[in-house]
Amino acid sequence: MTATGLTVAHGRRVVLALVALVAGAIAMGASPVFVRWADVGPYASAFWRTALALPFLWAWARYESRGTARAPLALDRPILLAGLFFAGDLFFWHLAILATTVANATFLATTAPIWVALGAWLVLAETIGTRILAGLALCILGGFALMGESYGFAPARLMGDVYGLATAVFFGAYILAIRAGRGRHGAAQLVFLSTLITTACLFVVAFALEPHLLPRSLAGAAALLALALISQVAGQGLLAIALGTLPATFSSLVIFLEAVAAAAFGWVLLGEALGLAQALGGLLILLGIFVARPHAGDRAVEAGP
């Protein structure tokens, strides 16, 4: 293939990866709605989110490996770390929701790109340029504005705020582990095996902390299934696909759209009002992603198949 053909093919792959990333962020943004509709506790809903996704992820992994010489499913360090980090992300996210305001928990969780940028620079040797830093600053400002006047510090909620910050660290580490794992694994294999580990961890947590694990109504069970299919299979699956092409730091900025989508879903489906500050926050996030976007001259390192 000629150099021009390679450039066109690379550009097409970057565009497709970006579309997958945006769609994945929107799918993950629907999770608060399904958690609200579920009739189990927060740790039980986190467990069912991953447990119910496993059969579908297994089928996807089998389909992905058809007609290829890919090695059989096997655990390695990136998969193990991704599973543990995502379990930590969900665990501390639910602790934060219980121990501080939703606004504080959400804003602190959206600082994940800071940790991704630091880890991508130190661990993955990704270059963090001025465009990425400018986009990060705009997205952080947008995340703060998206919370509106509901964000606030109080000493009594300090531990909950720490949990929210821990959520960001774990999710940032999860993105880095998935990015590293895409160098050896297909997206489906990586998400299936890491979700298997996450499910085992969350089962222990839910069994220890929840009074009951099973949903008490058909509507509650349907909400948990939707959470698994949309937020876990589609959301995490599309994120893993995108991280096979796009740099980790830029990808983490696009994940800010999850907060925008969550606010939009809350407005449409739950009747939660949106004000001018929230609209400004969404625009700042979009501007930040636009500023940090890969340019035609950039060569994103394609990490995996």
C-alpha atoms as a PDB file:
ATOM      1  CA  MET A   1       0.000   0.000   0.000  1.00  0.00           C
ATOM      2  CA  THR A   2       1.278   3.497  -0.815  1.00  0.00           C
ATOM      3  CA  ALA A   3       2.070   6.107   1.808  1.00  0.00           C
ATOM      4  CA  THR A   4      -1.076   8.002   0.811  1.00  0.00           C
ATOM      5  CA  GLY A   5      -3.155   4.854   1.148  1.00  0.00           C
ATOM      6  CA  LEU A   6      -1.692   4.150   4.581  1.00  0.00           C
ATOM      7  CA  THR A   7      -2.464   7.698   5.685  1.00  0.00           C
ATOM      8  CA  VAL A   8      -6.062   7.442   4.463  1.00  0.00           C
ATOM      9  CA  ALA A   9      -6.515   4.044   6.125  1.00  0.00           C
ATOM     10  CA  HIS A  10      -5.067   5.367   9.368  1.00  0.00           C
ATOM     11  CA  GLY A  11      -7.319   8.424   9.251  1.00  0.00           C
ATOM     12  CA  ARG A  12     -10.363   6.238   8.672  1.00  0.00           C
ATOM     13  CA  ARG A  13      -9.419   4.049  11.622  1.00  0.00           C
ATOM     14  CA  VAL A  14      -9.009   7.093  13.869  1.00  0.00           C
ATOM     15  CA  VAL A  15     -12.444   8.405  12.836  1.00  0.00           C
ATOM     16  CA  LEU A  16     -14.095   5.037  13.509  1.00  0.00           C
ATOM     17  CA  ALA A  17     -12.348   4.811  16.880  1.00  0.00           C
ATOM     18  CA  LEU A  18     -13.573   8.299  17.774  1.00  0.00           C
ATOM     19  CA  VAL A  19     -17.145   7.366  16.831  1.00  0.00           C
ATOM     20  CA  ALA A  20     -16.855   4.236  19.012  1.00  0.00           C
ATOM     21  CA  LEU A  21     -15.516   6.312  21.897  1.00  0.00           C
ATOM     22  CA  VAL A  22     -18.311   8.889  21.719  1.00  0.00           C
ATOM     23  CA  ALA A  23     -20.959   6.155  21.499  1.00  0.00           C
ATOM     24  CA  GLY A  24     -19.347   4.334  24.433  1.00  0.00           C
ATOM     25  CA  ALA A  25     -19.327   7.475  26.578  1.00  0.00           C
ATOM     26  CA  ILE A  26     -23.021   8.048  25.858  1.00  0.00           C
ATOM     27  CA  ALA A  27     -23.804   4.413  26.721  1.00  0.00           C
ATOM     28  CA  MET A  28     -21.919   4.717  30.017  1.00  0.00           C
ATOM     29  CA  GLY A  29     -23.738   7.977  30.716  1.00  0.00           C
ATOM     30  CA  ALA A  30     -27.036   6.096  30.856  1.00  0.00           C
ATOM     31  CA  SER A  31     -25.919   4.061  33.877  1.00  0.00           C
ATOM     32  CA  PRO A  32     -27.274   6.416  36.604  1.00  0.00           C
ATOM     33  CA  VAL A  33     -30.758   6.129  35.100  1.00  0.00           C
ATOM     34  CA  PHE A  34     -30.690   2.329  35.196  1.00  0.00           C
ATOM     35  CA  VAL A  35     -29.247   2.307  38.725  1.00  0.00           C
ATOM     36  CA  ARG A  36     -32.064   4.628  39.793  1.00  0.00           C
ATOM     37  CA  TRP A  37     -34.659   2.310  38.239  1.00  0.00           C
ATOM     38  CA  ALA A  38     -33.172  -0.864  39.741  1.00  0.00           C
ATOM     39  CA  ASP A  39     -34.680  -2.088  43.015  1.00  0.00           C
ATOM     40  CA  VAL A  40     -31.472  -3.343  44.581  1.00  0.00           C
ATOM     41  CA  GLY A  41     -28.775  -1.557  46.512  1.00  0.00           C
ATOM     42  CA  PRO A  42     -25.818   0.200  44.873  1.00  0.00           C
ATOM     43  CA  TYR A  43     -23.318  -2.621  45.365  1.00  0.00           C
ATOM     44  CA  ALA A  44     -25.779  -5.217  44.121  1.00  0.00           C
ATOM     45  CA  SER A  45     -26.484  -3.151  41.004  1.00  0.00           C
ATOM     46  CA  ALA A  46     -22.744  -2.848  40.366  1.00  0.00           C
ATOM     47  CA  PHE A  47     -22.407  -6.641  40.674  1.00  0.00           C
ATOM     48  CA  TRP A  48     -25.314  -7.347  38.331  1.00  0.00           C
ATOM     49  CA  ARG A  49     -24.015  -4.762  35.859  1.00  0.00           C
ATOM     50  CA  THR A  50     -20.926  -6.896  35.270  1.00  0.00           C
ATOM     51  CA  ALA A  51     -22.339 -10.370  35.990  1.00  0.00           C
ATOM     52  CA  LEU A  52     -25.204 -10.113  33.497  1.00  0.00           C
ATOM     53  CA  ALA A  53     -22.801  -8.768  30.877  1.00  0.00           C
ATOM     54  CA  LEU A  54     -20.555 -11.845  30.985  1.00  0.00           C
ATOM     55  CA  PRO A  55     -22.533 -14.165  28.651  1.00  0.00           C
ATOM     56  CA  PHE A  56     -22.750 -11.462  25.991  1.00  0.00           C
ATOM     57  CA  LEU A  57     -19.077 -10.547  26.337  1.00  0.00           C
ATOM     58  CA  TRP A  58     -18.122 -14.232  26.109  1.00  0.00           C
ATOM     59  CA  ALA A  59     -20.128 -14.604  22.891  1.00  0.00           C
ATOM     60  CA  TRP A  60     -18.448 -11.483  21.491  1.00  0.00           C
ATOM     61  CA  ALA A  61     -14.996 -12.817  22.435  1.00  0.00           C
ATOM     62  CA  ARG A  62     -15.729 -16.114  20.686  1.00  0.00           C
ATOM     63  CA  TYR A  63     -16.934 -14.282  17.583  1.00  0.00           C
ATOM     64  CA  GLU A  64     -13.870 -12.033  17.622  1.00  0.00           C
ATOM     65  CA  SER A  65     -11.499 -15.012  17.630  1.00  0.00           C
ATOM     66  CA  ARG A  66     -13.172 -16.820  14.692  1.00  0.00           C
ATOM     67  CA  GLY A  67     -10.803 -17.512  11.808  1.00  0.00           C
ATOM     68  CA  THR A  68      -7.780 -16.013  13.557  1.00  0.00           C
ATOM     69  CA  ALA A  69      -4.648 -17.399  15.103  1.00  0.00           C
ATOM     70  CA  ARG A  70      -5.317 -15.486  18.312  1.00  0.00           C
ATOM     71  CA  ALA A  71      -4.169 -17.291  21.453  1.00  0.00           C
ATOM     72  CA  PRO A  72      -6.868 -18.841  23.643  1.00  0.00           C
ATOM     73  CA  LEU A  73      -8.358 -16.771  26.440  1.00  0.00           C
ATOM     74  CA  ALA A  74      -5.722 -16.286  29.119  1.00  0.00           C
ATOM     75  CA  LEU A  75      -5.125 -13.858  31.947  1.00  0.00           C
ATOM     76  CA  ASP A  76      -2.124 -11.551  31.960  1.00  0.00           C
ATOM     77  CA  ARG A  77      -1.104  -8.464  33.889  1.00  0.00           C
ATOM     78  CA  PRO A  78      -3.092  -5.798  31.945  1.00  0.00           C
ATOM     79  CA  ILE A  79      -6.251  -7.918  32.122  1.00  0.00           C
ATOM     80  CA  LEU A  80      -5.838  -8.581  35.843  1.00  0.00           C
ATOM     81  CA  LEU A  81      -5.159  -4.921  36.579  1.00  0.00           C
ATOM     82  CA  ALA A  82      -8.060  -3.738  34.412  1.00  0.00           C
ATOM     83  CA  GLY A  83     -10.448  -6.030  36.286  1.00  0.00           C
ATOM     84  CA  LEU A  84      -9.207  -4.937  39.702  1.00  0.00           C
ATOM     85  CA  PHE A  85      -9.121  -1.245  38.793  1.00  0.00           C
ATOM     86  CA  PHE A  86     -12.670  -1.287  37.434  1.00  0.00           C
ATOM     87  CA  ALA A  87     -13.894  -3.065  40.574  1.00  0.00           C
ATOM     88  CA  GLY A  88     -12.216  -0.323  42.616  1.00  0.00           C
ATOM     89  CA  ASP A  89     -13.802   2.337  40.414  1.00  0.00           C
ATOM     90  CA  LEU A  90     -17.330   1.025  40.956  1.00  0.00           C
ATOM     91  CA  PHE A  91     -16.756   0.335  44.664  1.00  0.00           C
ATOM     92  CA  PHE A  92     -15.478   3.829  45.490  1.00  0.00           C
ATOM     93  CA  TRP A  93     -18.048   5.451  43.186  1.00  0.00           C
ATOM     94  CA  HIS A  94     -20.890   3.949  45.200  1.00  0.00           C
ATOM     95  CA  LEU A  95     -19.166   4.789  48.480  1.00  0.00           C
ATOM     96  CA  ALA A  96     -18.841   8.399  47.297  1.00  0.00           C
ATOM     97  CA  ILE A  97     -22.524   8.575  46.370  1.00  0.00           C
ATOM     98  CA  LEU A  98     -23.434   7.386  49.872  1.00  0.00           C
ATOM     99  CA  ALA A  99     -20.951   9.587  51.753  1.00  0.00           C
ATOM    100  CA  THR A 100     -21.085  12.921  49.901  1.00  0.00           C
ATOM    101  CA  THR A 101     -23.358  14.782  47.507  1.00  0.00           C
ATOM    102  CA  VAL A 102     -23.911  13.372  44.020  1.00  0.00           C
ATOM    103  CA  ALA A 103     -22.538  16.636  42.621  1.00  0.00           C
ATOM    104  CA  ASN A 104     -19.298  16.328  44.596  1.00  0.00           C
ATOM    105  CA  ALA A 105     -18.912  12.651  43.742  1.00  0.00           C
ATOM    106  CA  THR A 106     -19.527  13.282  40.053  1.00  0.00           C
ATOM    107  CA  PHE A 107     -17.177  16.232  39.752  1.00  0.00           C
ATOM    108  CA  LEU A 108     -14.335  14.519  41.619  1.00  0.00           C
ATOM    109  CA  ALA A 109     -14.820  11.376  39.502  1.00  0.00           C
ATOM    110  CA  THR A 110     -14.449  13.477  36.357  1.00  0.00           C
ATOM    111  CA  THR A 111     -10.881  14.363  37.335  1.00  0.00           C
ATOM    112  CA  ALA A 112      -9.829  10.935  36.003  1.00  0.00           C
ATOM    113  CA  PRO A 113      -8.160  12.476  32.891  1.00  0.00           C
ATOM    114  CA  ILE A 114      -5.606  14.172  35.158  1.00  0.00           C
ATOM    115  CA  TRP A 115      -4.466  10.776  36.402  1.00  0.00           C
ATOM    116  CA  VAL A 116      -4.655   9.300  32.911  1.00  0.00           C
ATOM    117  CA  ALA A 117      -2.416  12.056  31.555  1.00  0.00           C
ATOM    118  CA  LEU A 118       0.089  11.527  34.355  1.00  0.00           C
ATOM    119  CA  GLY A 119       0.086   7.755  33.934  1.00  0.00           C
ATOM    120  CA  ALA A 120       0.194   7.896  30.126  1.00  0.00           C
ATOM    121  CA  TRP A 121       3.254  10.141  30.332  1.00  0.00           C
ATOM    122  CA  LEU A 122       5.045   8.077  32.997  1.00  0.00           C
ATOM    123  CA  VAL A 123       3.980   4.528  32.051  1.00  0.00           C
ATOM    124  CA  LEU A 124       2.983   4.515  28.374  1.00  0.00           C
ATOM    125  CA  ALA A 125       5.427   7.226  27.242  1.00  0.00           C
ATOM    126  CA  GLU A 126       2.662   9.152  25.475  1.00  0.00           C
ATOM    127  CA  THR A 127       3.465  12.754  24.608  1.00  0.00           C
ATOM    128  CA  ILE A 128       1.238  15.226  26.446  1.00  0.00           C
ATOM    129  CA  GLY A 129       1.201  18.338  24.270  1.00  0.00           C
ATOM    130  CA  THR A 130      -0.220  21.786  24.827  1.00  0.00           C
ATOM    131  CA  ARG A 131      -3.433  20.929  22.945  1.00  0.00           C
ATOM    132  CA  ILE A 132      -4.108  18.040  25.312  1.00  0.00           C
ATOM    133  CA  LEU A 133      -3.392  20.188  28.366  1.00  0.00           C
ATOM    134  CA  ALA A 134      -5.642  22.982  27.077  1.00  0.00           C
ATOM    135  CA  GLY A 135      -8.407  20.498  26.311  1.00  0.00           C
ATOM    136  CA  LEU A 136      -8.014  18.958  29.761  1.00  0.00           C
ATOM    137  CA  ALA A 137      -8.331  22.349  31.439  1.00  0.00           C
ATOM    138  CA  LEU A 138     -11.485  23.171  29.462  1.00  0.00           C
ATOM    139  CA  CYS A 139     -13.041  19.784  30.234  1.00  0.00           C
ATOM    140  CA  ILE A 140     -12.310  20.105  33.965  1.00  0.00           C
ATOM    141  CA  LEU A 141     -13.887  23.574  33.967  1.00  0.00           C
ATOM    142  CA  GLY A 142     -16.843  22.156  32.044  1.00  0.00           C
ATOM    143  CA  GLY A 143     -17.233  19.324  34.531  1.00  0.00           C
ATOM    144  CA  PHE A 144     -17.275  21.821  37.385  1.00  0.00           C
ATOM    145  CA  ALA A 145     -19.837  24.021  35.617  1.00  0.00           C
ATOM    146  CA  LEU A 146     -21.954  20.972  34.826  1.00  0.00           C
ATOM    147  CA  MET A 147     -22.423  20.443  38.563  1.00  0.00           C
ATOM    148  CA  GLY A 148     -23.750  24.002  38.868  1.00  0.00           C
ATOM    149  CA  GLU A 149     -24.329  25.355  42.357  1.00  0.00           C
ATOM    150  CA  SER A 150     -24.867  21.888  43.816  1.00  0.00           C
ATOM    151  CA  TYR A 151     -21.120  21.356  44.325  1.00  0.00           C
ATOM    152  CA  GLY A 152     -19.793  22.415  47.710  1.00  0.00           C
ATOM    153  CA  PHE A 153     -17.194  21.492  50.308  1.00  0.00           C
ATOM    154  CA  ALA A 154     -18.151  20.533  53.845  1.00  0.00           C
ATOM    155  CA  PRO A 155     -15.866  18.964  56.477  1.00  0.00           C
ATOM    156  CA  ALA A 156     -18.550  16.409  57.325  1.00  0.00           C
ATOM    157  CA  ARG A 157     -18.400  15.104  53.734  1.00  0.00           C
ATOM    158  CA  LEU A 158     -14.606  15.062  53.477  1.00  0.00           C
ATOM    159  CA  MET A 159     -14.347  11.264  53.481  1.00  0.00           C
ATOM    160  CA  GLY A 160     -16.975  11.035  50.749  1.00  0.00           C
ATOM    161  CA  ASP A 161     -14.996  13.525  48.675  1.00  0.00           C
ATOM    162  CA  VAL A 162     -11.911  11.365  49.149  1.00  0.00           C
ATOM    163  CA  TYR A 163     -13.913   8.396  47.849  1.00  0.00           C
ATOM    164  CA  GLY A 164     -14.871  10.449  44.793  1.00  0.00           C
ATOM    165  CA  LEU A 165     -11.231  11.247  44.146  1.00  0.00           C
ATOM    166  CA  ALA A 166     -10.346   7.554  44.573  1.00  0.00           C
ATOM    167  CA  THR A 167     -12.972   6.771  41.944  1.00  0.00           C
ATOM    168  CA  ALA A 168     -11.130   9.022  39.485  1.00  0.00           C
ATOM    169  CA  VAL A 169      -7.770   7.415  40.248  1.00  0.00           C
ATOM    170  CA  PHE A 170      -9.131   3.894  39.750  1.00  0.00           C
ATOM    171  CA  PHE A 171     -10.949   4.762  36.526  1.00  0.00           C
ATOM    172  CA  GLY A 172      -7.860   6.502  35.194  1.00  0.00           C
ATOM    173  CA  ALA A 173      -5.792   3.422  36.009  1.00  0.00           C
ATOM    174  CA  TYR A 174      -8.431   1.256  34.314  1.00  0.00           C
ATOM    175  CA  ILE A 175      -8.160   3.250  31.084  1.00  0.00           C
ATOM    176  CA  LEU A 176      -4.370   2.901  31.137  1.00  0.00           C
ATOM    177  CA  ALA A 177      -4.609  -0.862  31.748  1.00  0.00           C
ATOM    178  CA  ILE A 178      -7.067  -1.298  28.868  1.00  0.00           C
ATOM    179  CA  ARG A 179      -4.850   0.797  26.580  1.00  0.00           C
ATOM    180  CA  ALA A 180      -1.823  -1.340  27.490  1.00  0.00           C
ATOM    181  CA  GLY A 181      -3.807  -4.570  27.119  1.00  0.00           C
ATOM    182  CA  ARG A 182      -4.924  -3.697  23.594  1.00  0.00           C
ATOM    183  CA  GLY A 183      -1.348  -4.286  22.461  1.00  0.00           C
ATOM    184  CA  ARG A 184      -1.858  -8.038  22.938  1.00  0.00           C
ATOM    185  CA  HIS A 185      -5.596  -8.650  23.022  1.00  0.00           C
ATOM    186  CA  GLY A 186      -8.675  -7.949  20.996  1.00  0.00           C
ATOM    187  CA  ALA A 187     -11.251  -5.654  22.580  1.00  0.00           C
ATOM    188  CA  ALA A 188     -13.747  -8.449  23.293  1.00  0.00           C
ATOM    189  CA  GLN A 189     -11.241 -10.789  24.922  1.00  0.00           C
ATOM    190  CA  LEU A 190      -9.874  -7.980  27.058  1.00  0.00           C
ATOM    191  CA  VAL A 191     -13.260  -6.723  28.250  1.00  0.00           C
ATOM    192  CA  PHE A 192     -14.620 -10.238  28.890  1.00  0.00           C
ATOM    193  CA  LEU A 193     -11.718 -11.396  31.038  1.00  0.00           C
ATOM    194  CA  SER A 194     -11.349  -8.121  32.948  1.00  0.00           C
ATOM    195  CA  THR A 195     -15.113  -8.074  33.589  1.00  0.00           C
ATOM    196  CA  LEU A 196     -14.881 -11.622  34.919  1.00  0.00           C
ATOM    197  CA  ILE A 197     -12.362 -10.436  37.510  1.00  0.00           C
ATOM    198  CA  THR A 198     -14.444  -7.362  38.337  1.00  0.00           C
ATOM    199  CA  THR A 199     -17.536  -9.520  38.831  1.00  0.00           C
ATOM    200  CA  ALA A 200     -15.757 -11.809  41.297  1.00  0.00           C
ATOM    201  CA  CYS A 201     -14.605  -8.810  43.339  1.00  0.00           C
ATOM    202  CA  LEU A 202     -18.019  -7.129  43.300  1.00  0.00           C
ATOM    203  CA  PHE A 203     -19.785 -10.332  44.327  1.00  0.00           C
ATOM    204  CA  VAL A 204     -17.725 -10.419  47.535  1.00  0.00           C
ATOM    205  CA  VAL A 205     -18.525  -6.748  48.194  1.00  0.00           C
ATOM    206  CA  ALA A 206     -22.249  -7.080  47.448  1.00  0.00           C
ATOM    207  CA  PHE A 207     -22.600 -10.300  49.446  1.00  0.00           C
ATOM    208  CA  ALA A 208     -20.960  -8.668  52.452  1.00  0.00           C
ATOM    209  CA  LEU A 209     -22.666  -5.264  52.327  1.00  0.00           C
ATOM    210  CA  GLU A 210     -26.092  -5.710  50.718  1.00  0.00           C
ATOM    211  CA  PRO A 211     -29.142  -7.097  52.568  1.00  0.00           C
ATOM    212  CA  HIS A 212     -30.362  -8.767  49.373  1.00  0.00           C
ATOM    213  CA  LEU A 213     -28.882  -9.354  45.939  1.00  0.00           C
ATOM    214  CA  LEU A 214     -31.870 -10.347  43.821  1.00  0.00           C
ATOM    215  CA  PRO A 215     -34.163  -7.747  42.209  1.00  0.00           C
ATOM    216  CA  ARG A 216     -37.662  -7.701  43.665  1.00  0.00           C
ATOM    217  CA  SER A 217     -39.603  -6.895  40.507  1.00  0.00           C
ATOM    218  CA  LEU A 218     -39.573  -7.551  36.780  1.00  0.00           C
ATOM    219  CA  ALA A 219     -38.991  -3.864  36.142  1.00  0.00           C
ATOM    220  CA  GLY A 220     -35.984  -3.907  38.468  1.00  0.00           C
ATOM    221  CA  ALA A 221     -34.552  -6.960  36.704  1.00  0.00           C
ATOM    222  CA  ALA A 222     -35.085  -5.270  33.316  1.00  0.00           C
ATOM    223  CA  ALA A 223     -33.215  -2.174  34.546  1.00  0.00           C
ATOM    224  CA  LEU A 224     -30.266  -4.331  35.634  1.00  0.00           C
ATOM    225  CA  LEU A 225     -30.205  -6.116  32.275  1.00  0.00           C
ATOM    226  CA  ALA A 226     -30.241  -2.771  30.478  1.00  0.00           C
ATOM    227  CA  LEU A 227     -27.421  -1.579  32.737  1.00  0.00           C
ATOM    228  CA  ALA A 228     -25.387  -4.648  31.771  1.00  0.00           C
ATOM    229  CA  LEU A 229     -26.070  -4.481  28.040  1.00  0.00           C
ATOM    230  CA  ILE A 230     -25.859  -0.731  27.484  1.00  0.00           C
ATOM    231  CA  SER A 231     -23.400   0.563  30.073  1.00  0.00           C
ATOM    232  CA  GLN A 232     -21.124  -2.471  30.400  1.00  0.00           C
ATOM    233  CA  VAL A 233     -21.201  -4.423  27.123  1.00  0.00           C
ATOM    234  CA  ALA A 234     -21.693  -1.452  24.811  1.00  0.00           C
ATOM    235  CA  GLY A 235     -20.033   1.251  26.923  1.00  0.00           C
ATOM    236  CA  GLN A 236     -16.920  -0.614  28.052  1.00  0.00           C
ATOM    237  CA  GLY A 237     -16.713  -2.606  24.820  1.00  0.00           C
ATOM    238  CA  LEU A 238     -16.679   0.494  22.630  1.00  0.00           C
ATOM    239  CA  LEU A 239     -14.148   2.133  24.949  1.00  0.00           C
ATOM    240  CA  ALA A 240     -11.821  -0.867  24.555  1.00  0.00           C
ATOM    241  CA  ILE A 241     -12.237  -0.767  20.765  1.00  0.00           C
ATOM    242  CA  ALA A 242     -11.340   2.928  20.687  1.00  0.00           C
ATOM    243  CA  LEU A 243      -8.318   2.469  22.952  1.00  0.00           C
ATOM    244  CA  GLY A 244      -6.825   0.155  20.358  1.00  0.00           C
ATOM    245  CA  THR A 245      -6.236   3.257  18.212  1.00  0.00           C
ATOM    246  CA  LEU A 246      -6.566   6.471  20.193  1.00  0.00           C
ATOM    247  CA  PRO A 247      -4.151   7.749  22.853  1.00  0.00           C
ATOM    248  CA  ALA A 248      -5.263   7.152  26.440  1.00  0.00           C
ATOM    249  CA  THR A 249      -5.233  10.819  27.467  1.00  0.00           C
ATOM    250  CA  PHE A 250      -7.391  12.055  24.600  1.00  0.00           C
ATOM    251  CA  SER A 251      -9.757   9.110  25.110  1.00  0.00           C
ATOM    252  CA  SER A 252     -10.188  10.036  28.767  1.00  0.00           C
ATOM    253  CA  LEU A 253     -11.240  13.551  27.719  1.00  0.00           C
ATOM    254  CA  VAL A 254     -13.946  12.175  25.449  1.00  0.00           C
ATOM    255  CA  ILE A 255     -15.221  10.156  28.423  1.00  0.00           C
ATOM    256  CA  PHE A 256     -16.266  13.545  29.856  1.00  0.00           C
ATOM    257  CA  LEU A 257     -19.211  13.164  27.486  1.00  0.00           C
ATOM    258  CA  GLU A 258     -20.458  10.536  29.936  1.00  0.00           C
ATOM    259  CA  ALA A 259     -21.245  13.335  32.398  1.00  0.00           C
ATOM    260  CA  VAL A 260     -22.958  15.362  29.657  1.00  0.00           C
ATOM    261  CA  ALA A 261     -24.987  12.334  28.582  1.00  0.00           C
ATOM    262  CA  ALA A 262     -25.908  11.544  32.203  1.00  0.00           C
ATOM    263  CA  ALA A 263     -27.219  15.096  32.680  1.00  0.00           C
ATOM    264  CA  ALA A 264     -29.192  14.860  29.426  1.00  0.00           C
ATOM    265  CA  PHE A 265     -30.669  11.461  30.318  1.00  0.00           C
ATOM    266  CA  GLY A 266     -31.585  12.767  33.777  1.00  0.00           C
ATOM    267  CA  TRP A 267     -33.368  15.715  32.177  1.00  0.00           C
ATOM    268  CA  VAL A 268     -35.272  13.650  29.599  1.00  0.00           C
ATOM    269  CA  LEU A 269     -36.041  10.497  31.598  1.00  0.00           C
ATOM    270  CA  LEU A 270     -36.000  11.583  35.247  1.00  0.00           C
ATOM    271  CA  GLY A 271     -37.232  15.161  34.969  1.00  0.00           C
ATOM    272  CA  GLU A 272     -34.067  16.635  36.521  1.00  0.00           C
ATOM    273  CA  ALA A 273     -33.797  20.302  35.538  1.00  0.00           C
ATOM    274  CA  LEU A 274     -30.828  21.705  33.634  1.00  0.00           C
ATOM    275  CA  GLY A 275     -29.803  25.331  34.007  1.00  0.00           C
ATOM    276  CA  LEU A 276     -27.537  27.762  32.197  1.00  0.00           C
ATOM    277  CA  ALA A 277     -24.481  26.607  34.166  1.00  0.00           C
ATOM    278  CA  GLN A 278     -25.020  23.005  33.080  1.00  0.00           C
ATOM    279  CA  ALA A 279     -25.412  24.059  29.453  1.00  0.00           C
ATOM    280  CA  LEU A 280     -22.195  26.088  29.675  1.00  0.00           C
ATOM    281  CA  GLY A 281     -20.425  23.110  31.213  1.00  0.00           C
ATOM    282  CA  GLY A 282     -21.480  20.864  28.366  1.00  0.00           C
ATOM    283  CA  LEU A 283     -20.242  23.398  25.809  1.00  0.00           C
ATOM    284  CA  LEU A 284     -16.879  23.727  27.580  1.00  0.00           C
ATOM    285  CA  ILE A 285     -16.456  19.949  27.530  1.00  0.00           C
ATOM    286  CA  LEU A 286     -17.229  19.822  23.813  1.00  0.00           C
ATOM    287  CA  LEU A 287     -14.779  22.681  23.205  1.00  0.00           C
ATOM    288  CA  GLY A 288     -12.102  20.909  25.232  1.00  0.00           C
ATOM    289  CA  ILE A 289     -12.501  17.712  23.221  1.00  0.00           C
ATOM    290  CA  PHE A 290     -12.377  19.717  19.989  1.00  0.00           C
ATOM    291  CA  VAL A 291      -9.175  21.492  21.051  1.00  0.00           C
ATOM    292  CA  ALA A 292      -7.474  18.218  22.075  1.00  0.00           C
ATOM    293  CA  ARG A 293      -8.616  16.190  19.047  1.00  0.00           C
ATOM    294  CA  PRO A 294      -5.980  14.330  16.993  1.00  0.00           C
ATOM    295  CA  HIS A 295      -4.902  16.323  13.935  1.00  0.00           C
ATOM    296  CA  ALA A 296      -4.233  15.026  10.468  1.00  0.00           C
ATOM    297  CA  GLY A 297      -0.482  15.128  11.060  1.00  0.00           C
ATOM    298  CA  ASP A 298      -0.636  13.188  14.302  1.00  0.00           C
ATOM    299  CA  ARG A 299       0.246   9.509  14.386  1.00  0.00           C
ATOM    300  CA  ALA A 300      -1.759   7.872  17.118  1.00  0.00           C
ATOM    301  CA  VAL A 301      -0.003   4.685  18.150  1.00  0.00           C
ATOM    302  CA  GLU A 302      -2.300   1.836  17.290  1.00  0.00           C
ATOM    303  CA  ALA A 303      -2.054  -0.424  20.277  1.00  0.00           C
ATOM    304  CA  GLY A 304      -4.009  -3.441  19.217  1.00  0.00           C
ATOM    305  CA  PRO A 305      -6.084  -5.253  16.616  1.00  0.00           C
END
